[in-house]
Amino acid sequence: MIKGSKKMLTIILFVIFLLALTTCVVINLPQFGKLPSGARLERIKRSPQWKEGKFNNELETVTMTGDKNLFQAMWSFVFDKAPDVEPKDSVPVIKTDLHKLEKDEKLIVWFGHSSYLFQLAGKRILVDPVFYAAAPFGFAGKAFKGSEAYHPEDMPDIEITKKMRKRACFAVTTFLL
């Protein structure tokens, strides 16, 4: 009985180790960006939003909605399928020829979700470029019909690209400093 328990414990610990190792490898893939360093980090530290060793949003970011705790929210996300969360038809898109945009014009082009092209101060800033794939891995999700209108070759010359999730405002704020 004890020998079987030791074997089971060894298997469980090995599986936990493999999951931790896989997580470390995956979160360090280029698709997930990287931490700032060098001159970029120094510029960020001069931001008025840099306090106590981290970047603080000017407005509070609500991470949970409703009265669910983290476990309840995760359970609901995985197992409760809400109706009408995906469009029934193609997402309407007005595709602009980005190569013909005047560079000195101030504008924002929204590509969907958190992907934007900003033109400010004669610079083009591409934030969180997600064009024809909805997730870092093909098996993790697919884009809605119609939302895959833009591809990398549609982009004009870009001075700054920020691959950040949930930090688009951070990217723009640090650029404007």
N, C-alpha and C. Protein backbone atom coordinates (compact mmCIF):
# COMPACT_ATOMS: atom_id res chain seq x y z
N MET A 1 0.82 -1.20 0.00
CA MET A 1 0.00 0.00 0.00
C MET A 1 0.86 1.26 0.00
N ILE A 2 1.89 1.32 0.85
CA ILE A 2 2.75 2.50 0.94
C ILE A 2 3.56 2.66 -0.34
N LYS A 3 4.02 1.55 -0.92
CA LYS A 3 4.81 1.60 -2.14
C LYS A 3 3.98 2.21 -3.28
N GLY A 4 2.72 1.85 -3.38
CA GLY A 4 1.81 2.40 -4.38
C GLY A 4 1.57 3.89 -4.16
N SER A 5 1.48 4.31 -2.89
CA SER A 5 1.27 5.72 -2.57
C SER A 5 2.48 6.55 -2.95
N LYS A 6 3.69 6.02 -2.73
CA LYS A 6 4.91 6.72 -3.10
C LYS A 6 4.99 6.90 -4.62
N LYS A 7 4.61 5.86 -5.32
CA LYS A 7 4.64 5.93 -6.79
C LYS A 7 3.65 6.98 -7.29
N MET A 8 2.45 7.00 -6.72
CA MET A 8 1.43 7.96 -7.11
C MET A 8 1.90 9.39 -6.79
N LEU A 9 2.50 9.59 -5.61
CA LEU A 9 3.02 10.90 -5.23
C LEU A 9 4.13 11.34 -6.19
N THR A 10 5.00 10.42 -6.56
CA THR A 10 6.08 10.73 -7.51
C THR A 10 5.49 11.16 -8.86
N ILE A 11 4.48 10.47 -9.33
CA ILE A 11 3.85 10.82 -10.61
C ILE A 11 3.20 12.20 -10.52
N ILE A 12 2.50 12.47 -9.43
CA ILE A 12 1.84 13.78 -9.25
C ILE A 12 2.87 14.90 -9.21
N LEU A 13 3.95 14.71 -8.46
CA LEU A 13 5.00 15.72 -8.39
C LEU A 13 5.67 15.93 -9.75
N PHE A 14 5.86 14.86 -10.50
CA PHE A 14 6.46 14.96 -11.83
C PHE A 14 5.53 15.75 -12.77
N VAL A 15 4.25 15.49 -12.70
CA VAL A 15 3.28 16.22 -13.54
C VAL A 15 3.28 17.70 -13.16
N ILE A 16 3.31 18.00 -11.87
CA ILE A 16 3.36 19.40 -11.42
C ILE A 16 4.63 20.07 -11.93
N PHE A 17 5.77 19.37 -11.84
CA PHE A 17 7.03 19.90 -12.35
C PHE A 17 6.94 20.17 -13.85
N LEU A 18 6.38 19.24 -14.61
CA LEU A 18 6.25 19.44 -16.06
C LEU A 18 5.35 20.63 -16.38
N LEU A 19 4.25 20.78 -15.66
CA LEU A 19 3.36 21.93 -15.87
C LEU A 19 4.08 23.24 -15.57
N ALA A 20 4.83 23.28 -14.47
CA ALA A 20 5.57 24.50 -14.12
C ALA A 20 6.63 24.81 -15.17
N LEU A 21 7.36 23.80 -15.62
CA LEU A 21 8.38 23.99 -16.64
C LEU A 21 7.77 24.48 -17.96
N THR A 22 6.67 23.85 -18.36
CA THR A 22 5.98 24.26 -19.59
C THR A 22 5.49 25.70 -19.49
N THR A 23 4.94 26.06 -18.35
CA THR A 23 4.48 27.44 -18.14
C THR A 23 5.64 28.42 -18.27
N CYS A 24 6.76 28.11 -17.66
CA CYS A 24 7.94 29.00 -17.76
C CYS A 24 8.41 29.15 -19.20
N VAL A 25 8.43 28.07 -19.94
CA VAL A 25 8.87 28.13 -21.34
C VAL A 25 7.89 28.95 -22.17
N VAL A 26 6.60 28.69 -22.00
CA VAL A 26 5.58 29.36 -22.82
C VAL A 26 5.54 30.86 -22.56
N ILE A 27 5.57 31.29 -21.30
CA ILE A 27 5.46 32.72 -21.04
C ILE A 27 6.70 33.50 -21.46
N ASN A 28 7.78 32.81 -21.78
CA ASN A 28 8.98 33.48 -22.27
C ASN A 28 9.12 33.43 -23.78
N LEU A 29 8.08 32.97 -24.49
CA LEU A 29 8.10 32.98 -25.94
C LEU A 29 7.97 34.42 -26.45
N PRO A 30 8.50 34.72 -27.64
CA PRO A 30 8.45 36.09 -28.16
C PRO A 30 7.03 36.63 -28.33
N GLN A 31 6.03 35.78 -28.53
CA GLN A 31 4.66 36.24 -28.70
C GLN A 31 4.15 37.02 -27.50
N PHE A 32 4.76 36.80 -26.35
CA PHE A 32 4.27 37.42 -25.12
C PHE A 32 5.07 38.66 -24.72
N GLY A 33 5.95 39.13 -25.59
CA GLY A 33 6.71 40.34 -25.31
C GLY A 33 7.83 40.09 -24.32
N LYS A 34 8.42 41.19 -23.84
CA LYS A 34 9.51 41.07 -22.87
C LYS A 34 9.48 42.27 -21.94
N LEU A 35 10.17 42.14 -20.83
CA LEU A 35 10.24 43.22 -19.86
C LEU A 35 11.14 44.33 -20.40
N PRO A 36 10.83 45.58 -20.08
CA PRO A 36 11.68 46.69 -20.55
C PRO A 36 13.03 46.66 -19.86
N SER A 37 14.04 47.14 -20.57
CA SER A 37 15.38 47.22 -19.99
C SER A 37 16.13 48.38 -20.63
N GLY A 38 17.27 48.74 -20.05
CA GLY A 38 18.13 49.76 -20.62
C GLY A 38 17.46 51.12 -20.69
N ALA A 39 17.69 51.82 -21.82
CA ALA A 39 17.17 53.18 -22.00
C ALA A 39 15.65 53.21 -21.94
N ARG A 40 15.00 52.18 -22.46
CA ARG A 40 13.53 52.14 -22.43
C ARG A 40 13.02 52.09 -21.00
N LEU A 41 13.65 51.28 -20.17
CA LEU A 41 13.24 51.19 -18.77
C LEU A 41 13.48 52.52 -18.05
N GLU A 42 14.59 53.17 -18.34
CA GLU A 42 14.87 54.46 -17.72
C GLU A 42 13.82 55.50 -18.11
N ARG A 43 13.39 55.49 -19.38
CA ARG A 43 12.35 56.41 -19.84
C ARG A 43 11.03 56.12 -19.12
N ILE A 44 10.73 54.86 -18.93
CA ILE A 44 9.51 54.47 -18.22
C ILE A 44 9.56 54.97 -16.77
N LYS A 45 10.70 54.84 -16.15
CA LYS A 45 10.84 55.25 -14.75
C LYS A 45 10.64 56.75 -14.57
N ARG A 46 10.84 57.54 -15.63
CA ARG A 46 10.61 58.98 -15.54
C ARG A 46 9.14 59.35 -15.69
N SER A 47 8.31 58.38 -16.01
CA SER A 47 6.88 58.62 -16.18
C SER A 47 6.24 58.99 -14.84
N PRO A 48 5.28 59.92 -14.84
CA PRO A 48 4.57 60.24 -13.60
C PRO A 48 3.78 59.04 -13.05
N GLN A 49 3.50 58.07 -13.90
CA GLN A 49 2.77 56.88 -13.45
C GLN A 49 3.69 55.84 -12.81
N TRP A 50 5.01 56.03 -12.85
CA TRP A 50 5.95 55.08 -12.25
C TRP A 50 6.09 55.41 -10.77
N LYS A 51 5.56 54.53 -9.93
CA LYS A 51 5.60 54.74 -8.49
C LYS A 51 5.90 53.42 -7.79
N GLU A 52 6.76 53.49 -6.80
CA GLU A 52 7.08 52.33 -5.97
C GLU A 52 7.54 51.13 -6.80
N GLY A 53 8.35 51.40 -7.83
CA GLY A 53 8.95 50.33 -8.62
C GLY A 53 8.05 49.66 -9.63
N LYS A 54 6.91 50.27 -9.93
CA LYS A 54 6.03 49.69 -10.95
C LYS A 54 5.20 50.78 -11.60
N PHE A 55 4.64 50.45 -12.76
CA PHE A 55 3.79 51.38 -13.49
C PHE A 55 2.38 51.29 -12.92
N ASN A 56 1.79 52.45 -12.61
CA ASN A 56 0.44 52.51 -12.06
C ASN A 56 -0.47 53.25 -13.02
N ASN A 57 -1.58 52.64 -13.37
CA ASN A 57 -2.55 53.30 -14.24
C ASN A 57 -3.12 54.52 -13.54
N GLU A 58 -3.47 55.54 -14.32
CA GLU A 58 -4.08 56.73 -13.74
C GLU A 58 -5.45 56.42 -13.18
N LEU A 59 -6.16 55.53 -13.84
CA LEU A 59 -7.49 55.12 -13.39
C LEU A 59 -7.42 53.69 -12.90
N GLU A 60 -8.22 53.38 -11.90
CA GLU A 60 -8.24 52.02 -11.36
C GLU A 60 -8.71 51.04 -12.45
N THR A 61 -8.02 49.93 -12.56
CA THR A 61 -8.40 48.89 -13.51
C THR A 61 -9.15 47.81 -12.75
N VAL A 62 -10.41 47.65 -13.05
CA VAL A 62 -11.22 46.64 -12.38
C VAL A 62 -10.91 45.29 -13.02
N THR A 63 -10.46 44.36 -12.21
CA THR A 63 -10.09 43.06 -12.75
C THR A 63 -11.18 42.01 -12.61
N MET A 64 -12.10 42.22 -11.71
CA MET A 64 -13.21 41.28 -11.55
C MET A 64 -14.51 42.06 -11.63
N THR A 65 -15.51 41.46 -12.21
CA THR A 65 -16.82 42.10 -12.25
C THR A 65 -17.82 41.23 -11.51
N GLY A 66 -18.83 41.86 -11.04
CA GLY A 66 -19.86 41.11 -10.32
C GLY A 66 -19.37 40.71 -8.94
N ASP A 67 -20.04 39.74 -8.36
CA ASP A 67 -19.71 39.32 -7.01
C ASP A 67 -19.07 37.93 -6.98
N LYS A 68 -18.39 37.54 -8.08
CA LYS A 68 -17.72 36.25 -8.11
C LYS A 68 -16.27 36.41 -7.63
N ASN A 69 -15.77 35.36 -6.96
CA ASN A 69 -14.36 35.36 -6.63
C ASN A 69 -13.56 34.79 -7.81
N LEU A 70 -12.25 34.74 -7.70
CA LEU A 70 -11.41 34.30 -8.82
C LEU A 70 -11.77 32.89 -9.28
N PHE A 71 -11.93 31.96 -8.35
CA PHE A 71 -12.26 30.58 -8.72
C PHE A 71 -13.60 30.51 -9.44
N GLN A 72 -14.60 31.21 -8.94
CA GLN A 72 -15.93 31.21 -9.57
C GLN A 72 -15.86 31.81 -10.98
N ALA A 73 -15.10 32.88 -11.14
CA ALA A 73 -14.97 33.51 -12.45
C ALA A 73 -14.28 32.57 -13.43
N MET A 74 -13.21 31.88 -12.98
CA MET A 74 -12.52 30.94 -13.87
C MET A 74 -13.43 29.77 -14.24
N TRP A 75 -14.15 29.25 -13.27
CA TRP A 75 -15.07 28.14 -13.52
C TRP A 75 -16.12 28.56 -14.55
N SER A 76 -16.67 29.74 -14.36
CA SER A 76 -17.69 30.26 -15.26
C SER A 76 -17.13 30.45 -16.67
N PHE A 77 -15.91 30.97 -16.77
CA PHE A 77 -15.28 31.20 -18.07
C PHE A 77 -15.08 29.88 -18.82
N VAL A 78 -14.67 28.84 -18.11
CA VAL A 78 -14.37 27.55 -18.76
C VAL A 78 -15.63 26.75 -19.05
N PHE A 79 -16.58 26.73 -18.12
CA PHE A 79 -17.69 25.79 -18.23
C PHE A 79 -19.05 26.41 -18.59
N ASP A 80 -19.27 27.67 -18.24
CA ASP A 80 -20.57 28.28 -18.54
C ASP A 80 -20.50 28.98 -19.89
N LYS A 81 -21.27 28.52 -20.82
CA LYS A 81 -21.27 29.12 -22.15
C LYS A 81 -22.39 30.15 -22.24
N ALA A 82 -21.99 31.41 -22.32
CA ALA A 82 -22.96 32.50 -22.42
C ALA A 82 -23.49 32.59 -23.85
N PRO A 83 -24.76 32.90 -24.02
CA PRO A 83 -25.30 33.04 -25.37
C PRO A 83 -24.82 34.33 -26.02
N ASP A 84 -24.76 34.32 -27.33
CA ASP A 84 -24.45 35.51 -28.13
C ASP A 84 -23.10 36.15 -27.80
N VAL A 85 -22.08 35.34 -27.55
CA VAL A 85 -20.75 35.91 -27.32
C VAL A 85 -19.94 35.98 -28.61
N GLU A 86 -20.41 35.32 -29.66
CA GLU A 86 -19.75 35.38 -30.96
C GLU A 86 -20.74 35.95 -31.97
N PRO A 87 -20.26 36.76 -32.89
CA PRO A 87 -21.18 37.30 -33.91
C PRO A 87 -21.71 36.20 -34.81
N LYS A 88 -22.95 36.32 -35.19
CA LYS A 88 -23.56 35.31 -36.07
C LYS A 88 -23.07 35.46 -37.50
N ASP A 89 -22.78 36.69 -37.92
CA ASP A 89 -22.31 36.97 -39.27
C ASP A 89 -20.90 37.54 -39.20
N SER A 90 -20.33 37.83 -40.36
CA SER A 90 -19.01 38.44 -40.41
C SER A 90 -19.03 39.80 -39.74
N VAL A 91 -17.92 40.13 -39.08
CA VAL A 91 -17.78 41.44 -38.46
C VAL A 91 -17.59 42.46 -39.59
N PRO A 92 -18.41 43.54 -39.60
CA PRO A 92 -18.25 44.52 -40.68
C PRO A 92 -16.92 45.25 -40.56
N VAL A 93 -16.20 45.37 -41.65
CA VAL A 93 -14.88 45.98 -41.66
C VAL A 93 -14.80 46.97 -42.82
N ILE A 94 -14.26 48.14 -42.54
CA ILE A 94 -13.93 49.09 -43.60
C ILE A 94 -12.41 49.08 -43.69
N LYS A 95 -11.88 48.42 -44.70
CA LYS A 95 -10.44 48.29 -44.83
C LYS A 95 -9.87 49.54 -45.48
N THR A 96 -8.92 50.15 -44.80
CA THR A 96 -8.27 51.37 -45.27
C THR A 96 -6.90 51.00 -45.83
N ASP A 97 -6.51 51.66 -46.92
CA ASP A 97 -5.16 51.47 -47.44
C ASP A 97 -4.22 52.27 -46.56
N LEU A 98 -3.58 51.61 -45.62
CA LEU A 98 -2.74 52.26 -44.63
C LEU A 98 -1.49 52.89 -45.23
N HIS A 99 -1.08 52.40 -46.39
CA HIS A 99 0.10 52.96 -47.06
C HIS A 99 -0.17 54.37 -47.59
N LYS A 100 -1.44 54.72 -47.78
CA LYS A 100 -1.79 56.03 -48.33
C LYS A 100 -2.09 57.08 -47.26
N LEU A 101 -2.00 56.71 -45.98
CA LEU A 101 -2.25 57.67 -44.91
C LEU A 101 -1.10 58.67 -44.82
N GLU A 102 -1.45 59.94 -44.66
CA GLU A 102 -0.44 60.98 -44.48
C GLU A 102 0.21 60.80 -43.11
N LYS A 103 1.52 60.75 -43.08
CA LYS A 103 2.23 60.46 -41.84
C LYS A 103 2.08 61.54 -40.78
N ASP A 104 1.90 62.80 -41.19
CA ASP A 104 1.78 63.88 -40.21
C ASP A 104 0.37 64.04 -39.67
N GLU A 105 -0.58 63.27 -40.18
CA GLU A 105 -1.96 63.32 -39.71
C GLU A 105 -2.08 62.53 -38.39
N LYS A 106 -2.74 63.13 -37.40
CA LYS A 106 -2.97 62.43 -36.13
C LYS A 106 -4.18 61.53 -36.30
N LEU A 107 -3.99 60.24 -36.03
CA LEU A 107 -5.12 59.32 -36.18
C LEU A 107 -4.91 58.05 -35.40
N ILE A 108 -6.00 57.33 -35.22
CA ILE A 108 -5.99 56.01 -34.60
C ILE A 108 -6.78 55.08 -35.50
N VAL A 109 -6.19 53.93 -35.82
CA VAL A 109 -6.91 52.89 -36.57
C VAL A 109 -7.04 51.70 -35.63
N TRP A 110 -8.28 51.28 -35.39
CA TRP A 110 -8.53 50.14 -34.52
C TRP A 110 -8.70 48.90 -35.39
N PHE A 111 -7.90 47.87 -35.12
CA PHE A 111 -7.97 46.63 -35.90
C PHE A 111 -8.86 45.59 -35.23
N GLY A 112 -9.31 45.85 -34.03
CA GLY A 112 -10.13 44.90 -33.28
C GLY A 112 -9.43 44.53 -31.99
N HIS A 113 -10.19 44.19 -31.00
CA HIS A 113 -9.72 43.82 -29.67
C HIS A 113 -8.78 44.90 -29.14
N SER A 114 -7.50 44.61 -28.97
CA SER A 114 -6.58 45.61 -28.41
C SER A 114 -5.50 46.03 -29.41
N SER A 115 -5.74 45.85 -30.69
CA SER A 115 -4.76 46.19 -31.72
C SER A 115 -5.10 47.55 -32.35
N TYR A 116 -4.11 48.45 -32.30
CA TYR A 116 -4.28 49.81 -32.81
C TYR A 116 -3.06 50.25 -33.58
N LEU A 117 -3.27 51.17 -34.51
CA LEU A 117 -2.19 51.92 -35.14
C LEU A 117 -2.42 53.38 -34.78
N PHE A 118 -1.47 53.97 -34.06
CA PHE A 118 -1.53 55.38 -33.69
C PHE A 118 -0.57 56.15 -34.59
N GLN A 119 -0.96 57.33 -35.01
CA GLN A 119 -0.04 58.26 -35.65
C GLN A 119 -0.04 59.51 -34.80
N LEU A 120 1.09 59.78 -34.14
CA LEU A 120 1.25 60.93 -33.26
C LEU A 120 2.64 61.51 -33.46
N ALA A 121 2.72 62.82 -33.51
CA ALA A 121 4.02 63.51 -33.58
C ALA A 121 4.88 62.97 -34.72
N GLY A 122 4.25 62.63 -35.85
CA GLY A 122 5.00 62.13 -37.00
C GLY A 122 5.51 60.71 -36.85
N LYS A 123 5.07 60.01 -35.83
CA LYS A 123 5.49 58.62 -35.58
C LYS A 123 4.30 57.69 -35.74
N ARG A 124 4.57 56.50 -36.21
CA ARG A 124 3.55 55.45 -36.28
C ARG A 124 3.85 54.41 -35.21
N ILE A 125 2.84 54.15 -34.40
CA ILE A 125 2.99 53.23 -33.28
C ILE A 125 1.96 52.12 -33.45
N LEU A 126 2.43 50.91 -33.56
CA LEU A 126 1.55 49.75 -33.70
C LEU A 126 1.50 49.05 -32.35
N VAL A 127 0.31 48.99 -31.75
CA VAL A 127 0.14 48.41 -30.42
C VAL A 127 -0.57 47.08 -30.52
N ASP A 128 0.05 46.07 -29.91
CA ASP A 128 -0.52 44.73 -29.81
C ASP A 128 -1.00 44.20 -31.16
N PRO A 129 -0.08 44.04 -32.11
CA PRO A 129 -0.50 43.62 -33.45
C PRO A 129 -1.02 42.18 -33.50
N VAL A 130 -2.32 42.05 -33.54
CA VAL A 130 -2.97 40.76 -33.71
C VAL A 130 -3.85 40.90 -34.94
N PHE A 131 -3.44 40.29 -36.04
CA PHE A 131 -4.17 40.50 -37.29
C PHE A 131 -5.04 39.32 -37.67
N TYR A 132 -4.46 38.25 -38.10
CA TYR A 132 -5.26 37.15 -38.62
C TYR A 132 -5.29 35.95 -37.69
N ALA A 133 -4.70 36.06 -36.50
CA ALA A 133 -4.74 34.98 -35.51
C ALA A 133 -5.29 35.57 -34.21
N ALA A 134 -6.16 34.85 -33.56
CA ALA A 134 -6.80 35.36 -32.35
C ALA A 134 -6.07 34.98 -31.08
N ALA A 135 -5.05 34.15 -31.18
CA ALA A 135 -4.32 33.71 -29.99
C ALA A 135 -2.87 33.40 -30.39
N PRO A 136 -1.97 33.37 -29.41
CA PRO A 136 -0.57 33.09 -29.73
C PRO A 136 -0.37 31.70 -30.34
N PHE A 137 -1.30 30.80 -30.09
CA PHE A 137 -1.22 29.45 -30.63
C PHE A 137 -2.49 29.18 -31.42
N GLY A 138 -2.36 28.60 -32.59
CA GLY A 138 -3.51 28.36 -33.46
C GLY A 138 -4.62 27.56 -32.81
N PHE A 139 -4.29 26.63 -31.96
CA PHE A 139 -5.32 25.78 -31.34
C PHE A 139 -6.09 26.50 -30.24
N ALA A 140 -5.62 27.66 -29.80
CA ALA A 140 -6.21 28.32 -28.65
C ALA A 140 -7.43 29.18 -28.98
N GLY A 141 -7.65 29.48 -30.22
CA GLY A 141 -8.81 30.29 -30.57
C GLY A 141 -8.71 30.75 -32.01
N LYS A 142 -9.84 31.10 -32.58
CA LYS A 142 -9.83 31.58 -33.96
C LYS A 142 -10.50 32.95 -34.02
N ALA A 143 -10.08 33.72 -34.98
CA ALA A 143 -10.64 35.07 -35.14
C ALA A 143 -12.07 34.98 -35.68
N PHE A 144 -12.86 35.99 -35.35
CA PHE A 144 -14.21 36.06 -35.89
C PHE A 144 -14.14 36.30 -37.39
N LYS A 145 -15.14 35.79 -38.13
CA LYS A 145 -15.20 36.03 -39.57
C LYS A 145 -15.22 37.52 -39.85
N GLY A 146 -14.36 37.97 -40.74
CA GLY A 146 -14.31 39.38 -41.09
C GLY A 146 -13.27 40.16 -40.31
N SER A 147 -12.82 39.62 -39.17
CA SER A 147 -11.88 40.37 -38.35
C SER A 147 -10.43 40.13 -38.77
N GLU A 148 -10.24 39.31 -39.78
CA GLU A 148 -8.88 39.02 -40.24
C GLU A 148 -8.55 39.79 -41.51
N ALA A 149 -9.08 41.00 -41.63
CA ALA A 149 -8.93 41.79 -42.85
C ALA A 149 -7.50 42.26 -43.07
N TYR A 150 -6.78 42.60 -42.00
CA TYR A 150 -5.43 43.15 -42.13
C TYR A 150 -4.38 42.08 -41.89
N HIS A 151 -3.30 42.20 -42.64
CA HIS A 151 -2.15 41.31 -42.52
C HIS A 151 -0.89 42.16 -42.38
N PRO A 152 0.22 41.58 -41.94
CA PRO A 152 1.44 42.37 -41.76
C PRO A 152 1.85 43.17 -43.00
N GLU A 153 1.64 42.63 -44.18
CA GLU A 153 2.03 43.36 -45.40
C GLU A 153 1.16 44.58 -45.67
N ASP A 154 0.03 44.71 -44.98
CA ASP A 154 -0.84 45.88 -45.12
C ASP A 154 -0.34 47.08 -44.31
N MET A 155 0.63 46.84 -43.43
CA MET A 155 1.11 47.89 -42.54
C MET A 155 2.08 48.82 -43.26
N PRO A 156 1.97 50.13 -43.00
CA PRO A 156 2.97 51.07 -43.50
C PRO A 156 4.24 50.93 -42.65
N ASP A 157 5.25 51.74 -42.94
CA ASP A 157 6.46 51.72 -42.12
C ASP A 157 6.10 52.11 -40.69
N ILE A 158 6.53 51.29 -39.73
CA ILE A 158 6.19 51.49 -38.32
C ILE A 158 7.46 51.84 -37.56
N GLU A 159 7.42 52.91 -36.77
CA GLU A 159 8.58 53.29 -35.96
C GLU A 159 8.64 52.49 -34.66
N ILE A 160 7.48 52.26 -34.06
CA ILE A 160 7.44 51.60 -32.76
C ILE A 160 6.35 50.53 -32.78
N THR A 161 6.70 49.33 -32.33
CA THR A 161 5.73 48.25 -32.20
C THR A 161 5.73 47.81 -30.74
N LYS A 162 4.56 47.74 -30.16
CA LYS A 162 4.42 47.30 -28.77
C LYS A 162 3.56 46.05 -28.76
N LYS A 163 4.16 44.92 -28.37
CA LYS A 163 3.40 43.68 -28.23
C LYS A 163 3.07 43.50 -26.77
N MET A 164 1.93 44.04 -26.38
CA MET A 164 1.56 43.98 -24.97
C MET A 164 0.09 43.66 -24.84
N ARG A 165 -0.21 42.82 -23.92
CA ARG A 165 -1.59 42.53 -23.58
C ARG A 165 -1.97 43.35 -22.36
N LYS A 166 -3.12 43.98 -22.42
CA LYS A 166 -3.66 44.74 -21.29
C LYS A 166 -2.77 45.90 -20.89
N ARG A 167 -1.88 46.34 -21.79
CA ARG A 167 -1.00 47.43 -21.44
C ARG A 167 -0.88 48.43 -22.58
N ALA A 168 -1.90 48.55 -23.43
CA ALA A 168 -1.82 49.47 -24.56
C ALA A 168 -1.64 50.91 -24.08
N CYS A 169 -2.33 51.29 -23.04
CA CYS A 169 -2.20 52.66 -22.53
C CYS A 169 -0.79 52.90 -22.02
N PHE A 170 -0.18 51.89 -21.44
CA PHE A 170 1.19 51.98 -20.96
C PHE A 170 2.12 52.26 -22.14
N ALA A 171 1.94 51.57 -23.24
CA ALA A 171 2.82 51.75 -24.40
C ALA A 171 2.72 53.17 -24.93
N VAL A 172 1.51 53.69 -25.05
CA VAL A 172 1.32 55.02 -25.58
C VAL A 172 1.85 56.07 -24.60
N THR A 173 1.58 55.88 -23.31
CA THR A 173 2.04 56.83 -22.30
C THR A 173 3.55 56.92 -22.30
N THR A 174 4.24 55.78 -22.35
CA THR A 174 5.70 55.81 -22.30
C THR A 174 6.27 56.44 -23.56
N PHE A 175 5.61 56.27 -24.70
CA PHE A 175 6.10 56.90 -25.93
C PHE A 175 6.00 58.41 -25.86
N LEU A 176 4.92 58.90 -25.27
CA LEU A 176 4.65 60.34 -25.25
C LEU A 176 5.52 61.09 -24.25
N LEU A 177 6.27 60.41 -23.41
CA LEU A 177 7.10 61.09 -22.41
C LEU A 177 8.22 61.87 -23.04
